[in-house]
Amino acid sequence: MLGLVQGRQQWSENGGSLTDRVRRSGVEWLLAGIPCSGYEVGVGGVASVQWARGTGQAIRIGDAAFARDALASQGIANGISAGLSLFEGLDAEQSYCSRTRTEILSHLTNLQGLVRNCAHWMHPFWQGYADFLKSALW
């Protein structure tokens, strides 16, 4: 599988096939050994993480608490695991919320490092993403 991550504006402005887009991005080496005819194009979503914050008594579990990249395909497993962990002991809710916050912060910190070391880190798209990550580390 080959995926190309672009901002919405880039995606709408840069027409052509996936092969053309990859070549224009300067990473045509990714296509080596891949038959470029007969592939299927699928529009993905945002390749990162999402989470919900808020007040109230609701306990967010699974993807509502912390949804990783859709390609990881772990939403159901994480939801079941989170739900079960809420019954582990008297402080389970506090422990679960703390663990979820730690996972989010760890993931965002790792993403910051990846963006800093990215060959195209100076591109406005990646700079915007870096700014978002910085603001998300609350």
N, C-alpha and C. Protein backbone atom coordinates (compact mmCIF):
# COMPACT_ATOMS: atom_id res chain seq x y z
N MET A 1 0.85 -1.16 0.00
CA MET A 1 0.00 0.00 0.00
C MET A 1 0.90 1.23 0.00
N LEU A 2 0.50 2.21 -0.72
CA LEU A 2 1.22 3.47 -0.78
C LEU A 2 0.23 4.58 -0.52
N GLY A 3 0.57 5.44 0.39
CA GLY A 3 -0.30 6.57 0.69
C GLY A 3 0.46 7.86 0.54
N LEU A 4 -0.22 8.88 0.10
CA LEU A 4 0.37 10.20 -0.06
C LEU A 4 -0.42 11.17 0.82
N VAL A 5 0.25 11.77 1.76
CA VAL A 5 -0.41 12.69 2.68
C VAL A 5 -0.16 14.11 2.20
N GLN A 6 -1.24 14.83 1.97
CA GLN A 6 -1.16 16.21 1.54
C GLN A 6 -2.24 17.00 2.27
N GLY A 7 -2.02 18.29 2.35
CA GLY A 7 -3.05 19.17 2.89
C GLY A 7 -4.20 19.26 1.91
N ARG A 8 -5.36 19.69 2.40
CA ARG A 8 -6.54 19.78 1.53
C ARG A 8 -6.28 20.67 0.33
N GLN A 9 -5.62 21.79 0.57
CA GLN A 9 -5.36 22.73 -0.52
C GLN A 9 -4.44 22.08 -1.56
N GLN A 10 -3.39 21.41 -1.10
CA GLN A 10 -2.48 20.73 -2.02
C GLN A 10 -3.23 19.67 -2.83
N TRP A 11 -4.08 18.92 -2.16
CA TRP A 11 -4.79 17.84 -2.81
C TRP A 11 -5.71 18.38 -3.91
N SER A 12 -6.39 19.49 -3.63
CA SER A 12 -7.32 20.03 -4.62
C SER A 12 -6.58 20.74 -5.75
N GLU A 13 -5.42 21.32 -5.48
CA GLU A 13 -4.67 22.04 -6.51
C GLU A 13 -3.85 21.14 -7.42
N ASN A 14 -3.35 20.03 -6.89
CA ASN A 14 -2.45 19.15 -7.63
C ASN A 14 -3.23 17.99 -8.24
N GLY A 15 -3.62 18.14 -9.49
CA GLY A 15 -4.35 17.07 -10.15
C GLY A 15 -3.44 15.96 -10.61
N GLY A 16 -4.03 14.99 -11.23
CA GLY A 16 -3.25 13.89 -11.77
C GLY A 16 -3.40 12.64 -10.94
N SER A 17 -2.80 11.60 -11.45
CA SER A 17 -2.87 10.30 -10.78
C SER A 17 -1.98 10.29 -9.54
N LEU A 18 -2.15 9.29 -8.73
CA LEU A 18 -1.30 9.13 -7.56
C LEU A 18 0.17 9.03 -7.98
N THR A 19 0.41 8.29 -9.06
CA THR A 19 1.78 8.14 -9.57
C THR A 19 2.36 9.50 -9.93
N ASP A 20 1.59 10.33 -10.62
CA ASP A 20 2.06 11.67 -11.00
C ASP A 20 2.33 12.52 -9.76
N ARG A 21 1.45 12.44 -8.78
CA ARG A 21 1.61 13.23 -7.56
C ARG A 21 2.86 12.80 -6.79
N VAL A 22 3.10 11.49 -6.73
CA VAL A 22 4.29 10.99 -6.03
C VAL A 22 5.54 11.48 -6.75
N ARG A 23 5.55 11.39 -8.06
CA ARG A 23 6.73 11.83 -8.84
C ARG A 23 6.97 13.33 -8.66
N ARG A 24 5.90 14.13 -8.68
CA ARG A 24 6.05 15.57 -8.50
C ARG A 24 6.52 15.92 -7.09
N SER A 25 6.24 15.06 -6.14
CA SER A 25 6.68 15.29 -4.76
C SER A 25 8.15 14.97 -4.56
N GLY A 26 8.79 14.37 -5.59
CA GLY A 26 10.21 14.08 -5.51
C GLY A 26 10.56 12.80 -4.79
N VAL A 27 9.58 11.91 -4.65
CA VAL A 27 9.84 10.65 -3.96
C VAL A 27 9.48 9.47 -4.86
N GLU A 28 9.82 9.60 -6.12
CA GLU A 28 9.46 8.56 -7.09
C GLU A 28 10.08 7.22 -6.76
N TRP A 29 11.13 7.21 -5.94
CA TRP A 29 11.75 5.94 -5.53
C TRP A 29 10.76 5.06 -4.79
N LEU A 30 9.71 5.65 -4.21
CA LEU A 30 8.68 4.85 -3.54
C LEU A 30 7.95 3.92 -4.51
N LEU A 31 7.99 4.28 -5.79
CA LEU A 31 7.26 3.50 -6.80
C LEU A 31 8.08 2.33 -7.34
N ALA A 32 9.34 2.25 -6.96
CA ALA A 32 10.21 1.18 -7.48
C ALA A 32 9.64 -0.18 -7.10
N GLY A 33 9.43 -1.01 -8.12
CA GLY A 33 8.94 -2.36 -7.89
C GLY A 33 7.44 -2.46 -7.71
N ILE A 34 6.75 -1.35 -7.77
CA ILE A 34 5.28 -1.37 -7.62
C ILE A 34 4.67 -1.21 -9.01
N PRO A 35 3.81 -2.15 -9.41
CA PRO A 35 3.15 -1.97 -10.70
C PRO A 35 2.19 -0.78 -10.61
N CYS A 36 2.44 0.23 -11.42
CA CYS A 36 1.68 1.48 -11.30
C CYS A 36 0.38 1.47 -12.09
N SER A 37 0.08 0.39 -12.76
CA SER A 37 -1.20 0.30 -13.45
C SER A 37 -2.11 -0.61 -12.63
N GLY A 38 -3.35 -0.31 -12.62
CA GLY A 38 -4.30 -1.16 -11.92
C GLY A 38 -4.42 -0.90 -10.43
N TYR A 39 -3.87 0.20 -9.94
CA TYR A 39 -4.02 0.48 -8.53
C TYR A 39 -5.38 1.12 -8.28
N GLU A 40 -5.80 1.08 -7.06
CA GLU A 40 -7.07 1.70 -6.67
C GLU A 40 -6.79 2.90 -5.80
N VAL A 41 -7.45 3.99 -6.11
CA VAL A 41 -7.29 5.21 -5.34
C VAL A 41 -8.39 5.27 -4.29
N GLY A 42 -8.01 5.54 -3.10
CA GLY A 42 -8.97 5.73 -2.02
C GLY A 42 -8.64 7.01 -1.30
N VAL A 43 -9.64 7.77 -0.98
CA VAL A 43 -9.43 9.01 -0.25
C VAL A 43 -9.46 8.69 1.23
N GLY A 44 -8.38 8.96 1.89
CA GLY A 44 -8.29 8.70 3.31
C GLY A 44 -8.71 9.90 4.12
N GLY A 45 -8.48 9.80 5.37
CA GLY A 45 -8.77 10.90 6.26
C GLY A 45 -7.47 11.48 6.76
N VAL A 46 -7.55 12.20 7.82
CA VAL A 46 -6.37 12.79 8.40
C VAL A 46 -5.51 11.67 8.98
N ALA A 47 -4.24 11.65 8.62
CA ALA A 47 -3.34 10.61 9.09
C ALA A 47 -2.62 11.08 10.34
N SER A 48 -3.23 10.93 11.45
CA SER A 48 -2.62 11.33 12.70
C SER A 48 -3.46 10.77 13.83
N VAL A 49 -3.81 11.61 14.77
CA VAL A 49 -4.63 11.19 15.90
C VAL A 49 -5.74 12.22 16.11
N GLN A 50 -6.74 11.80 16.84
CA GLN A 50 -7.78 12.73 17.26
C GLN A 50 -8.24 12.32 18.65
N TRP A 51 -8.72 13.27 19.38
CA TRP A 51 -9.20 12.99 20.71
C TRP A 51 -10.23 14.05 21.06
N ALA A 52 -11.00 13.77 22.07
CA ALA A 52 -12.03 14.70 22.51
C ALA A 52 -11.73 15.16 23.92
N ARG A 53 -12.03 16.41 24.19
CA ARG A 53 -11.88 16.97 25.52
C ARG A 53 -13.21 17.56 25.92
N GLY A 54 -13.42 17.69 27.18
CA GLY A 54 -14.64 18.33 27.63
C GLY A 54 -14.87 18.09 29.10
N THR A 55 -15.88 18.72 29.59
CA THR A 55 -16.23 18.57 30.99
C THR A 55 -17.47 17.72 31.10
N GLY A 56 -17.80 17.35 32.28
CA GLY A 56 -18.99 16.54 32.49
C GLY A 56 -18.63 15.17 33.00
N GLN A 57 -19.64 14.35 33.15
CA GLN A 57 -19.44 13.03 33.72
C GLN A 57 -19.12 11.95 32.70
N ALA A 58 -19.24 12.27 31.45
CA ALA A 58 -18.98 11.25 30.41
C ALA A 58 -17.51 10.84 30.43
N ILE A 59 -17.28 9.55 30.35
CA ILE A 59 -15.92 9.01 30.23
C ILE A 59 -15.75 8.57 28.79
N ARG A 60 -14.83 9.19 28.12
CA ARG A 60 -14.61 8.85 26.72
C ARG A 60 -13.72 7.60 26.66
N ILE A 61 -14.14 6.63 25.88
CA ILE A 61 -13.35 5.41 25.71
C ILE A 61 -13.14 5.16 24.22
N GLY A 62 -12.20 4.30 23.90
CA GLY A 62 -11.94 3.94 22.51
C GLY A 62 -11.55 5.15 21.69
N ASP A 63 -12.07 5.23 20.47
CA ASP A 63 -11.72 6.33 19.57
C ASP A 63 -12.17 7.68 20.08
N ALA A 64 -13.18 7.74 20.92
CA ALA A 64 -13.62 9.02 21.47
C ALA A 64 -12.57 9.59 22.41
N ALA A 65 -11.82 8.73 23.06
CA ALA A 65 -10.78 9.18 23.97
C ALA A 65 -9.48 9.48 23.22
N PHE A 66 -9.12 8.60 22.30
CA PHE A 66 -7.85 8.74 21.60
C PHE A 66 -7.86 7.84 20.37
N ALA A 67 -8.08 8.43 19.22
CA ALA A 67 -8.13 7.66 17.97
C ALA A 67 -6.83 7.84 17.22
N ARG A 68 -6.14 6.74 17.03
CA ARG A 68 -4.89 6.77 16.28
C ARG A 68 -5.19 6.76 14.80
N ASP A 69 -4.13 6.81 14.03
CA ASP A 69 -4.24 6.76 12.58
C ASP A 69 -5.18 5.63 12.16
N ALA A 70 -6.10 5.93 11.28
CA ALA A 70 -7.06 4.92 10.83
C ALA A 70 -6.39 3.70 10.23
N LEU A 71 -5.20 3.86 9.69
CA LEU A 71 -4.49 2.72 9.10
C LEU A 71 -4.05 1.72 10.16
N ALA A 72 -3.97 2.16 11.43
CA ALA A 72 -3.55 1.25 12.49
C ALA A 72 -4.66 0.27 12.84
N SER A 73 -5.89 0.63 12.59
CA SER A 73 -7.04 -0.26 12.77
C SER A 73 -7.13 -0.85 14.18
N GLN A 74 -7.06 -0.01 15.17
CA GLN A 74 -7.08 -0.48 16.54
C GLN A 74 -8.27 0.06 17.34
N GLY A 75 -9.21 0.72 16.71
CA GLY A 75 -10.31 1.36 17.42
C GLY A 75 -11.14 0.42 18.27
N ILE A 76 -11.55 -0.71 17.73
CA ILE A 76 -12.39 -1.65 18.47
C ILE A 76 -11.62 -2.25 19.64
N ALA A 77 -10.39 -2.68 19.39
CA ALA A 77 -9.58 -3.27 20.45
C ALA A 77 -9.33 -2.27 21.57
N ASN A 78 -9.02 -1.03 21.22
CA ASN A 78 -8.78 -0.01 22.24
C ASN A 78 -10.06 0.30 23.01
N GLY A 79 -11.19 0.33 22.34
CA GLY A 79 -12.45 0.59 23.02
C GLY A 79 -12.80 -0.49 24.03
N ILE A 80 -12.63 -1.74 23.64
CA ILE A 80 -12.93 -2.85 24.55
C ILE A 80 -11.97 -2.83 25.73
N SER A 81 -10.69 -2.64 25.45
CA SER A 81 -9.69 -2.60 26.51
C SER A 81 -9.96 -1.46 27.47
N ALA A 82 -10.30 -0.30 26.94
CA ALA A 82 -10.58 0.86 27.80
C ALA A 82 -11.81 0.61 28.66
N GLY A 83 -12.86 0.09 28.05
CA GLY A 83 -14.08 -0.19 28.80
C GLY A 83 -13.84 -1.17 29.94
N LEU A 84 -13.10 -2.22 29.68
CA LEU A 84 -12.80 -3.21 30.72
C LEU A 84 -11.93 -2.63 31.82
N SER A 85 -11.00 -1.76 31.45
CA SER A 85 -10.08 -1.20 32.46
C SER A 85 -10.81 -0.30 33.45
N LEU A 86 -11.97 0.19 33.09
CA LEU A 86 -12.72 1.06 34.00
C LEU A 86 -13.33 0.30 35.17
N PHE A 87 -13.24 -1.02 35.17
CA PHE A 87 -13.78 -1.84 36.25
C PHE A 87 -12.68 -2.56 37.03
N GLU A 88 -11.44 -2.09 36.91
CA GLU A 88 -10.31 -2.78 37.53
C GLU A 88 -10.14 -2.49 39.01
N GLY A 89 -10.65 -1.39 39.49
CA GLY A 89 -10.46 -1.04 40.90
C GLY A 89 -11.18 0.24 41.25
N LEU A 90 -11.02 0.66 42.50
CA LEU A 90 -11.72 1.85 42.97
C LEU A 90 -11.27 3.13 42.29
N ASP A 91 -10.00 3.20 41.92
CA ASP A 91 -9.49 4.41 41.26
C ASP A 91 -9.35 4.21 39.75
N ALA A 92 -10.08 3.26 39.20
CA ALA A 92 -9.93 2.90 37.78
C ALA A 92 -10.21 4.08 36.85
N GLU A 93 -11.22 4.88 37.15
CA GLU A 93 -11.54 6.01 36.27
C GLU A 93 -10.38 7.00 36.22
N GLN A 94 -9.86 7.37 37.38
CA GLN A 94 -8.74 8.31 37.45
C GLN A 94 -7.51 7.72 36.76
N SER A 95 -7.24 6.46 36.99
CA SER A 95 -6.10 5.78 36.39
C SER A 95 -6.24 5.74 34.87
N TYR A 96 -7.45 5.41 34.40
CA TYR A 96 -7.70 5.34 32.96
C TYR A 96 -7.50 6.70 32.30
N CYS A 97 -8.07 7.75 32.89
CA CYS A 97 -7.95 9.09 32.32
C CYS A 97 -6.50 9.54 32.29
N SER A 98 -5.77 9.24 33.33
CA SER A 98 -4.34 9.59 33.39
C SER A 98 -3.55 8.83 32.33
N ARG A 99 -3.85 7.55 32.17
CA ARG A 99 -3.15 6.72 31.17
C ARG A 99 -3.44 7.23 29.76
N THR A 100 -4.69 7.60 29.50
CA THR A 100 -5.07 8.11 28.18
C THR A 100 -4.35 9.41 27.89
N ARG A 101 -4.31 10.31 28.87
CA ARG A 101 -3.60 11.59 28.69
C ARG A 101 -2.11 11.33 28.42
N THR A 102 -1.51 10.41 29.13
CA THR A 102 -0.10 10.08 28.92
C THR A 102 0.12 9.54 27.51
N GLU A 103 -0.79 8.69 27.01
CA GLU A 103 -0.68 8.15 25.65
C GLU A 103 -0.74 9.26 24.61
N ILE A 104 -1.68 10.19 24.80
CA ILE A 104 -1.82 11.30 23.86
C ILE A 104 -0.56 12.15 23.85
N LEU A 105 -0.08 12.53 25.03
CA LEU A 105 1.12 13.36 25.11
C LEU A 105 2.34 12.65 24.53
N SER A 106 2.46 11.37 24.77
CA SER A 106 3.58 10.59 24.22
C SER A 106 3.51 10.57 22.70
N HIS A 107 2.32 10.32 22.17
CA HIS A 107 2.17 10.26 20.72
C HIS A 107 2.47 11.61 20.08
N LEU A 108 1.96 12.68 20.66
CA LEU A 108 2.19 14.01 20.10
C LEU A 108 3.67 14.39 20.18
N THR A 109 4.34 14.01 21.25
CA THR A 109 5.77 14.28 21.39
C THR A 109 6.55 13.51 20.33
N ASN A 110 6.19 12.26 20.09
CA ASN A 110 6.84 11.48 19.02
C ASN A 110 6.61 12.12 17.66
N LEU A 111 5.39 12.57 17.41
CA LEU A 111 5.09 13.24 16.14
C LEU A 111 5.92 14.50 15.97
N GLN A 112 6.09 15.27 17.05
CA GLN A 112 6.92 16.46 16.97
C GLN A 112 8.34 16.10 16.52
N GLY A 113 8.89 15.05 17.09
CA GLY A 113 10.23 14.61 16.70
C GLY A 113 10.29 14.19 15.24
N LEU A 114 9.26 13.48 14.78
CA LEU A 114 9.24 13.05 13.37
C LEU A 114 9.17 14.25 12.44
N VAL A 115 8.35 15.23 12.79
CA VAL A 115 8.24 16.42 11.94
C VAL A 115 9.56 17.19 11.93
N ARG A 116 10.20 17.33 13.09
CA ARG A 116 11.50 18.04 13.17
C ARG A 116 12.56 17.36 12.31
N ASN A 117 12.49 16.04 12.19
CA ASN A 117 13.50 15.30 11.42
C ASN A 117 13.08 15.03 9.98
N CYS A 118 11.92 15.49 9.60
CA CYS A 118 11.41 15.29 8.24
C CYS A 118 12.23 16.11 7.25
N ALA A 119 12.50 15.53 6.10
CA ALA A 119 13.28 16.23 5.07
C ALA A 119 12.60 17.51 4.60
N HIS A 120 11.29 17.56 4.72
CA HIS A 120 10.54 18.72 4.23
C HIS A 120 9.94 19.54 5.36
N TRP A 121 10.60 19.52 6.52
CA TRP A 121 10.04 20.18 7.70
C TRP A 121 9.81 21.67 7.51
N MET A 122 10.51 22.30 6.56
CA MET A 122 10.34 23.74 6.36
C MET A 122 9.14 24.08 5.48
N HIS A 123 8.53 23.09 4.85
CA HIS A 123 7.36 23.33 4.01
C HIS A 123 6.24 23.89 4.88
N PRO A 124 5.50 24.88 4.36
CA PRO A 124 4.42 25.48 5.17
C PRO A 124 3.42 24.47 5.72
N PHE A 125 3.12 23.41 4.96
CA PHE A 125 2.18 22.41 5.45
C PHE A 125 2.71 21.77 6.73
N TRP A 126 3.99 21.36 6.73
CA TRP A 126 4.58 20.71 7.89
C TRP A 126 4.79 21.70 9.03
N GLN A 127 5.08 22.96 8.69
CA GLN A 127 5.21 23.97 9.74
C GLN A 127 3.86 24.20 10.43
N GLY A 128 2.79 24.20 9.65
CA GLY A 128 1.45 24.34 10.23
C GLY A 128 1.12 23.17 11.13
N TYR A 129 1.52 21.99 10.70
CA TYR A 129 1.27 20.80 11.51
C TYR A 129 2.09 20.86 12.80
N ALA A 130 3.34 21.31 12.70
CA ALA A 130 4.19 21.44 13.88
C ALA A 130 3.58 22.44 14.87
N ASP A 131 3.04 23.53 14.35
CA ASP A 131 2.38 24.52 15.22
C ASP A 131 1.17 23.92 15.91
N PHE A 132 0.40 23.12 15.17
CA PHE A 132 -0.75 22.45 15.77
C PHE A 132 -0.30 21.52 16.90
N LEU A 133 0.73 20.73 16.64
CA LEU A 133 1.22 19.79 17.67
C LEU A 133 1.67 20.54 18.91
N LYS A 134 2.36 21.66 18.70
CA LYS A 134 2.83 22.45 19.84
C LYS A 134 1.65 22.96 20.67
N SER A 135 0.61 23.44 19.99
CA SER A 135 -0.54 23.97 20.71
C SER A 135 -1.35 22.85 21.38
N ALA A 136 -1.28 21.64 20.82
CA ALA A 136 -2.06 20.51 21.36
C ALA A 136 -1.43 19.93 22.62
N LEU A 137 -0.16 20.19 22.84
CA LEU A 137 0.50 19.69 24.05
C LEU A 137 0.16 20.62 25.22
N TRP A 138 -1.04 20.48 25.68
CA TRP A 138 -1.57 21.36 26.74
C TRP A 138 -1.04 21.04 28.09
